[in-house]
N, C-alpha and C. Protein backbone atom coordinates (compact mmCIF):
# COMPACT_ATOMS: atom_id res chain seq x y z
N MET A 1 159.33 58.89 76.63
CA MET A 1 159.49 58.05 77.70
C MET A 1 159.88 58.61 79.00
N GLN A 2 160.58 59.69 78.89
CA GLN A 2 160.77 60.32 80.05
C GLN A 2 159.94 60.88 81.14
N ARG A 3 158.77 61.31 80.33
CA ARG A 3 157.56 61.91 80.73
C ARG A 3 157.00 60.74 81.47
N ALA A 4 156.56 59.44 80.70
CA ALA A 4 155.90 58.39 81.30
C ALA A 4 156.68 57.96 82.55
N GLY A 5 157.96 58.11 82.58
CA GLY A 5 158.41 57.42 83.92
C GLY A 5 158.18 58.85 85.25
N VAL A 6 158.17 59.89 84.89
CA VAL A 6 158.35 60.85 85.79
C VAL A 6 156.72 60.92 86.48
N GLU A 7 155.72 60.66 85.31
CA GLU A 7 154.32 60.59 85.93
C GLU A 7 153.97 59.27 86.29
N SER A 8 154.32 57.84 86.10
CA SER A 8 153.76 56.97 86.46
C SER A 8 154.73 56.23 87.59
N ILE A 9 155.87 56.49 87.55
CA ILE A 9 156.94 56.12 88.72
C ILE A 9 156.82 57.00 89.90
N LEU A 10 157.73 58.05 89.45
CA LEU A 10 157.88 58.98 90.73
C LEU A 10 156.28 59.74 90.82
N GLY A 11 155.28 59.74 90.13
CA GLY A 11 154.00 60.06 90.35
C GLY A 11 153.85 61.90 90.26
N LEU A 12 154.61 62.12 89.62
CA LEU A 12 154.54 63.96 89.29
C LEU A 12 153.72 64.22 88.26
N ARG A 13 152.73 65.03 88.47
CA ARG A 13 151.89 65.43 87.42
C ARG A 13 151.41 67.09 87.83
N ILE A 14 151.26 67.69 86.77
CA ILE A 14 150.91 68.84 86.85
C ILE A 14 149.22 68.94 86.31
N GLN A 15 148.73 69.70 87.20
CA GLN A 15 147.13 69.64 86.94
C GLN A 15 146.65 71.16 87.07
N GLY A 16 146.59 71.76 86.18
CA GLY A 16 146.10 73.45 86.35
C GLY A 16 147.10 74.25 86.80
N LYS A 17 146.93 74.59 88.32
CA LYS A 17 147.87 75.44 89.30
C LYS A 17 148.47 74.64 90.19
N PHE A 18 148.13 73.28 90.11
CA PHE A 18 148.84 72.49 91.04
C PHE A 18 149.84 71.23 90.61
N LEU A 19 150.61 71.15 91.56
CA LEU A 19 151.67 69.95 91.24
C LEU A 19 150.93 68.73 92.21
N LEU A 20 150.75 67.63 91.67
CA LEU A 20 150.37 66.54 92.11
C LEU A 20 151.19 65.50 92.49
N LEU A 21 151.35 64.84 93.58
CA LEU A 21 152.52 63.87 94.03
C LEU A 21 151.83 62.45 94.35
N ASP A 22 152.20 61.31 93.46
CA ASP A 22 151.39 60.05 93.96
C ASP A 22 152.28 59.03 93.31
N PRO A 23 153.42 58.83 94.13
CA PRO A 23 154.44 57.91 93.79
C PRO A 23 154.08 56.39 93.72
N CYS A 24 154.44 55.76 92.71
CA CYS A 24 154.56 54.33 92.89
C CYS A 24 155.95 53.74 92.41
N ILE A 25 156.68 53.43 93.39
CA ILE A 25 158.27 53.08 93.17
C ILE A 25 158.22 51.50 93.78
N PRO A 26 159.37 51.03 93.15
CA PRO A 26 159.73 49.61 93.90
C PRO A 26 160.29 49.82 95.41
N ARG A 27 159.74 48.67 95.89
CA ARG A 27 159.96 48.71 97.41
C ARG A 27 161.25 48.74 97.83
N ASP A 28 162.04 48.57 96.98
CA ASP A 28 163.69 48.40 97.60
C ASP A 28 164.14 50.13 97.38
N TRP A 29 163.28 51.01 96.86
CA TRP A 29 163.74 52.49 96.88
C TRP A 29 163.39 53.23 98.30
N ARG A 30 164.48 53.41 99.16
CA ARG A 30 164.63 53.93 100.35
C ARG A 30 164.15 55.26 100.32
N ASN A 31 164.28 56.16 99.11
CA ASN A 31 163.95 57.42 99.06
C ASN A 31 164.33 58.14 97.49
N PHE A 32 163.87 59.13 97.05
CA PHE A 32 164.42 59.73 95.92
C PHE A 32 164.09 61.35 96.24
N GLU A 33 164.99 61.75 95.37
CA GLU A 33 164.84 63.50 95.45
C GLU A 33 164.49 64.00 93.78
N MET A 34 164.05 65.15 93.77
CA MET A 34 163.96 65.53 92.51
C MET A 34 163.65 67.31 92.35
N THR A 35 163.99 68.08 91.32
CA THR A 35 164.01 69.32 91.51
C THR A 35 163.27 69.60 90.22
N VAL A 36 162.34 70.62 90.40
CA VAL A 36 161.21 70.75 89.40
C VAL A 36 161.14 72.47 89.51
N ARG A 37 161.31 73.12 88.09
CA ARG A 37 161.14 74.33 88.06
C ARG A 37 159.77 74.85 87.28
N HIS A 38 159.26 75.78 87.81
CA HIS A 38 157.98 76.17 87.34
C HIS A 38 157.94 77.75 87.25
N GLY A 39 157.95 78.43 86.09
CA GLY A 39 158.27 79.97 85.91
C GLY A 39 159.40 80.06 86.83
N SER A 40 159.35 81.00 87.81
CA SER A 40 160.79 81.81 88.59
C SER A 40 160.76 80.62 89.83
N ALA A 41 159.87 79.83 89.88
CA ALA A 41 160.00 79.08 91.27
C ALA A 41 160.71 77.57 91.04
N ARG A 42 161.28 77.37 92.26
CA ARG A 42 162.07 75.86 92.26
C ARG A 42 161.55 75.19 93.34
N TYR A 43 161.21 73.96 92.97
CA TYR A 43 160.35 72.85 93.84
C TYR A 43 161.52 71.63 94.26
N GLU A 44 162.01 71.73 95.51
CA GLU A 44 163.06 70.60 95.98
C GLU A 44 162.11 69.68 96.34
N ILE A 45 162.03 68.33 95.70
CA ILE A 45 161.06 67.40 96.27
C ILE A 45 162.31 66.21 97.02
N MET A 46 161.53 65.63 98.00
CA MET A 46 162.22 64.62 98.77
C MET A 46 161.07 63.65 99.10
N VAL A 47 161.10 62.43 98.60
CA VAL A 47 160.16 61.37 99.15
C VAL A 47 161.17 60.34 99.61
N GLU A 48 160.58 59.87 100.92
CA GLU A 48 160.93 58.82 101.84
C GLU A 48 160.16 57.70 101.78
N ASN A 49 160.76 56.58 101.70
CA ASN A 49 160.22 55.37 101.92
C ASN A 49 160.58 54.29 102.97
N PRO A 50 160.24 54.94 104.40
CA PRO A 50 160.81 53.89 105.40
C PRO A 50 160.29 52.60 105.63
N ASP A 51 158.84 52.28 105.10
CA ASP A 51 158.22 51.14 105.40
C ASP A 51 158.38 50.22 104.18
N LYS A 52 159.25 50.59 103.24
CA LYS A 52 159.46 49.74 102.00
C LYS A 52 158.06 49.48 101.25
N VAL A 53 157.43 50.46 101.07
CA VAL A 53 155.94 50.21 100.49
C VAL A 53 156.27 50.54 99.17
N MET A 54 155.13 50.06 98.18
CA MET A 54 155.22 50.72 96.54
C MET A 54 154.29 51.93 96.60
N ARG A 55 153.41 52.19 97.28
CA ARG A 55 152.97 53.54 97.07
C ARG A 55 152.01 53.88 98.35
N GLY A 56 151.30 55.07 98.30
CA GLY A 56 150.23 55.55 99.39
C GLY A 56 151.03 56.49 100.27
N VAL A 57 150.61 57.67 100.40
CA VAL A 57 151.02 58.99 101.20
C VAL A 57 150.67 58.95 102.53
N ARG A 58 151.62 58.86 103.43
CA ARG A 58 151.55 58.90 104.71
C ARG A 58 151.17 60.26 105.39
N SER A 59 152.19 61.03 104.92
CA SER A 59 152.51 62.41 105.18
C SER A 59 153.02 63.25 104.22
N ALA A 60 152.82 64.58 104.28
CA ALA A 60 153.49 65.31 103.21
C ALA A 60 153.60 66.90 103.73
N GLU A 61 154.56 67.38 103.43
CA GLU A 61 154.55 68.80 103.90
C GLU A 61 155.11 69.68 102.68
N PHE A 62 154.73 71.10 102.67
CA PHE A 62 154.89 72.15 101.79
C PHE A 62 155.77 73.40 102.68
N ASP A 63 156.93 73.58 102.49
CA ASP A 63 157.68 74.69 102.99
C ASP A 63 157.48 74.25 104.69
N GLY A 64 157.50 72.99 105.27
CA GLY A 64 157.52 72.71 106.66
C GLY A 64 156.04 72.78 107.18
N GLN A 65 155.21 73.12 106.35
CA GLN A 65 153.64 72.88 106.82
C GLN A 65 153.20 71.85 106.56
N ALA A 66 152.30 71.08 107.46
CA ALA A 66 151.46 69.64 106.93
C ALA A 66 150.54 69.95 105.69
N VAL A 67 150.45 69.18 104.69
CA VAL A 67 149.69 68.91 103.83
C VAL A 67 148.68 67.77 104.17
N THR A 68 147.42 68.12 104.27
CA THR A 68 146.51 66.93 104.68
C THR A 68 145.51 66.60 103.44
N GLN A 69 145.31 67.36 102.43
CA GLN A 69 144.04 67.03 101.70
C GLN A 69 144.59 65.88 100.63
N ARG A 70 143.87 64.86 100.39
CA ARG A 70 144.13 63.82 99.31
C ARG A 70 143.15 63.87 98.10
N PRO A 71 143.75 63.58 96.92
CA PRO A 71 145.19 63.39 96.79
C PRO A 71 146.12 64.48 97.03
N VAL A 72 147.33 64.28 97.43
CA VAL A 72 148.09 65.06 97.73
C VAL A 72 148.62 66.29 96.88
N SER A 73 148.53 67.23 96.81
CA SER A 73 148.79 68.46 95.72
C SER A 73 149.41 69.68 96.44
N PHE A 74 150.36 70.56 95.72
CA PHE A 74 150.96 71.65 96.16
C PHE A 74 150.77 72.67 94.91
N PRO A 75 150.65 73.95 95.66
CA PRO A 75 150.30 75.10 94.54
C PRO A 75 151.51 75.26 93.61
N LEU A 76 151.01 75.54 92.42
CA LEU A 76 152.41 75.99 91.58
C LEU A 76 152.61 77.49 91.61
N LEU A 77 153.48 78.11 92.00
CA LEU A 77 153.93 79.23 92.37
C LEU A 77 154.55 79.83 91.12
N ASP A 78 154.68 81.14 90.75
CA ASP A 78 155.85 81.77 89.89
C ASP A 78 156.29 83.15 90.81
N ASP A 79 156.96 82.83 91.87
CA ASP A 79 157.48 83.71 92.86
C ASP A 79 159.09 83.78 93.22
N ALA A 80 159.80 83.27 92.22
CA ALA A 80 161.29 83.31 92.49
C ALA A 80 161.87 82.89 93.77
N MET A 81 160.90 82.06 94.44
CA MET A 81 161.29 81.06 95.61
C MET A 81 161.74 79.85 95.39
N THR A 82 162.50 79.21 96.35
CA THR A 82 162.71 77.75 96.58
C THR A 82 161.72 77.19 97.31
N HIS A 83 160.97 75.93 97.04
CA HIS A 83 159.84 75.65 97.85
C HIS A 83 160.50 74.01 98.11
N ARG A 84 160.11 73.71 99.51
CA ARG A 84 160.48 72.45 99.68
C ARG A 84 159.50 71.59 100.10
N ILE A 85 159.19 70.59 99.42
CA ILE A 85 158.36 69.42 99.48
C ILE A 85 158.81 68.06 100.03
N ARG A 86 158.26 67.67 101.26
CA ARG A 86 158.65 66.20 101.57
C ARG A 86 157.43 65.46 101.83
N VAL A 87 157.67 64.25 101.20
CA VAL A 87 156.48 63.09 101.11
C VAL A 87 157.11 62.12 101.84
N THR A 88 156.29 61.26 102.63
CA THR A 88 156.80 60.09 103.39
C THR A 88 155.61 59.01 102.77
N LEU A 89 156.18 57.89 102.39
CA LEU A 89 155.14 56.96 101.91
C LEU A 89 154.97 55.79 103.10
N GLY A 90 153.83 55.15 103.14
CA GLY A 90 153.33 54.23 104.18
C GLY A 90 152.11 54.05 104.19
N GLU A 91 151.54 53.14 105.27
CA GLU A 91 150.11 53.33 105.43
C GLU A 91 149.74 53.93 106.43
């Protein structure tokens, strides 16, 4: 049940060497945060929903750098670092 919620609502999936993020959340959620560990790395993920939409990634950042590819994906590293992911939902 937990995995179903994480994958379908929070939109977090691991595919090969990448973390994919495509949330589908209630409009009332203004934001949410989660932390994911992969090997020795830690991923601090912040999803913001300023337009009160249910889905659709307007912008994404990985460690302060813009991510433009769609679907949105981030490299899974095993580097003992903390990585920060910021996603903004919208159209």
